[in-house]
Amino acid sequence: MAKNVRIELDHGGMDALLKRKSVQNMCERIAKRIAATAAANDPKHESGPIEYFVHSKVGRGRAFAWVSSRHPMGGHLESKHRPLGKATRAARG
């Protein structure tokens, strides 16, 4: 027979955990893997290869990272071929 269990989160501890440098590093490693996968699967186009940049920071609630491109065709190619979307899906496993 199941017993009633009560779990109480330490919100301050969770907040501190999500803002740790190690969590930021983990997010950055995943973002680098996404950028590398997107670059490796770069669709062929006349404007040259797309260079992806990884950024990370600790925000108000947690550490996070993201991947961007400054390529003039980056937005168009993402909407048509989804190199970052596919790389993100692949990174999830």
Protein backbone atom coordinates (compact mmCIF):
# COMPACT_ATOMS: atom_id res chain seq x y z
CA MET A 1 0.00 0.00 0.00
CA ALA A 2 1.33 3.42 -0.99
CA LYS A 3 2.13 5.94 1.69
CA ASN A 4 1.54 9.63 1.30
CA VAL A 5 4.79 11.38 0.49
CA ARG A 6 5.34 15.09 0.64
CA ILE A 7 8.21 16.68 -1.25
CA GLU A 8 9.22 20.23 -0.52
CA LEU A 9 11.64 21.94 -2.88
CA ASP A 10 14.32 24.26 -1.62
CA HIS A 11 13.60 27.09 -4.05
CA GLY A 12 16.72 29.02 -3.10
CA GLY A 13 18.83 25.92 -3.65
CA MET A 14 17.22 25.20 -7.02
CA ASP A 15 17.75 28.82 -8.05
CA ALA A 16 21.43 28.61 -7.09
CA LEU A 17 21.82 25.27 -8.89
CA LEU A 18 20.33 26.57 -12.17
CA LYS A 19 22.65 29.59 -12.10
CA ARG A 20 25.88 27.65 -11.52
CA LYS A 21 28.80 28.01 -13.91
CA SER A 22 28.73 24.23 -14.44
CA VAL A 23 25.15 24.45 -15.76
CA GLN A 24 26.16 27.31 -18.04
CA ASN A 25 29.10 25.21 -19.30
CA MET A 26 26.78 22.25 -19.95
CA CYS A 27 24.39 24.46 -21.94
CA GLU A 28 27.33 25.87 -23.90
CA ARG A 29 28.63 22.37 -24.74
CA ILE A 30 25.23 21.38 -26.10
CA ALA A 31 24.98 24.64 -28.09
CA LYS A 32 28.44 24.01 -29.60
CA ARG A 33 27.32 20.54 -30.65
CA ILE A 34 24.20 22.04 -32.26
CA ALA A 35 26.30 24.66 -34.10
CA ALA A 36 28.75 22.03 -35.35
CA THR A 37 25.93 19.76 -36.56
CA ALA A 38 24.20 22.66 -38.33
CA ALA A 39 27.47 23.71 -40.00
CA ALA A 40 28.20 20.14 -41.10
CA ASN A 41 24.72 19.88 -42.69
CA ASP A 42 24.87 23.34 -44.23
CA PRO A 43 22.72 23.39 -47.37
CA LYS A 44 24.63 24.26 -50.55
CA HIS A 45 23.98 27.81 -51.68
CA GLU A 46 25.77 30.48 -53.64
CA SER A 47 26.38 32.88 -50.74
CA GLY A 48 28.98 30.66 -49.04
CA PRO A 49 29.01 28.64 -45.85
CA ILE A 50 27.13 29.81 -42.79
CA GLU A 51 29.16 30.47 -39.66
CA TYR A 52 27.34 29.78 -36.40
CA PHE A 53 28.14 31.49 -33.10
CA VAL A 54 27.49 30.16 -29.60
CA HIS A 55 26.52 32.52 -26.80
CA SER A 56 25.80 31.77 -23.15
CA LYS A 57 24.93 33.70 -20.04
CA VAL A 58 23.27 33.48 -16.67
CA GLY A 59 19.91 35.21 -16.75
CA ARG A 60 17.48 36.07 -13.98
CA GLY A 61 16.24 32.53 -13.56
CA ARG A 62 18.91 30.23 -14.98
CA ALA A 63 21.95 29.76 -17.14
CA PHE A 64 21.29 29.26 -20.84
CA ALA A 65 22.95 29.23 -24.26
CA TRP A 66 21.89 29.88 -27.82
CA VAL A 67 23.23 29.60 -31.36
CA SER A 68 23.05 32.39 -33.92
CA SER A 69 24.29 33.28 -37.37
CA ARG A 70 25.12 36.68 -38.81
CA HIS A 71 24.92 35.38 -42.36
CA PRO A 72 22.63 37.51 -44.55
CA MET A 73 20.86 34.38 -45.82
CA GLY A 74 20.72 32.70 -42.40
CA GLY A 75 17.06 33.44 -41.73
CA HIS A 76 15.96 32.40 -45.20
CA LEU A 77 17.98 29.17 -45.11
CA GLU A 78 16.65 28.34 -41.63
CA SER A 79 13.07 28.79 -42.81
CA LYS A 80 13.67 26.71 -45.95
CA HIS A 81 16.11 23.97 -44.80
CA ARG A 82 16.02 24.23 -40.96
CA PRO A 83 19.69 23.41 -40.27
CA LEU A 84 19.48 24.71 -36.68
CA GLY A 85 16.09 23.14 -36.04
CA LYS A 86 17.30 19.76 -37.28
CA ALA A 87 20.55 20.04 -35.30
CA THR A 88 18.59 20.89 -32.15
CA ARG A 89 16.33 17.89 -32.65
CA ALA A 90 19.38 15.66 -33.18
CA ALA A 91 21.00 16.99 -29.98
CA ARG A 92 17.97 15.91 -27.96
CA GLY A 93 18.70 12.31 -28.88
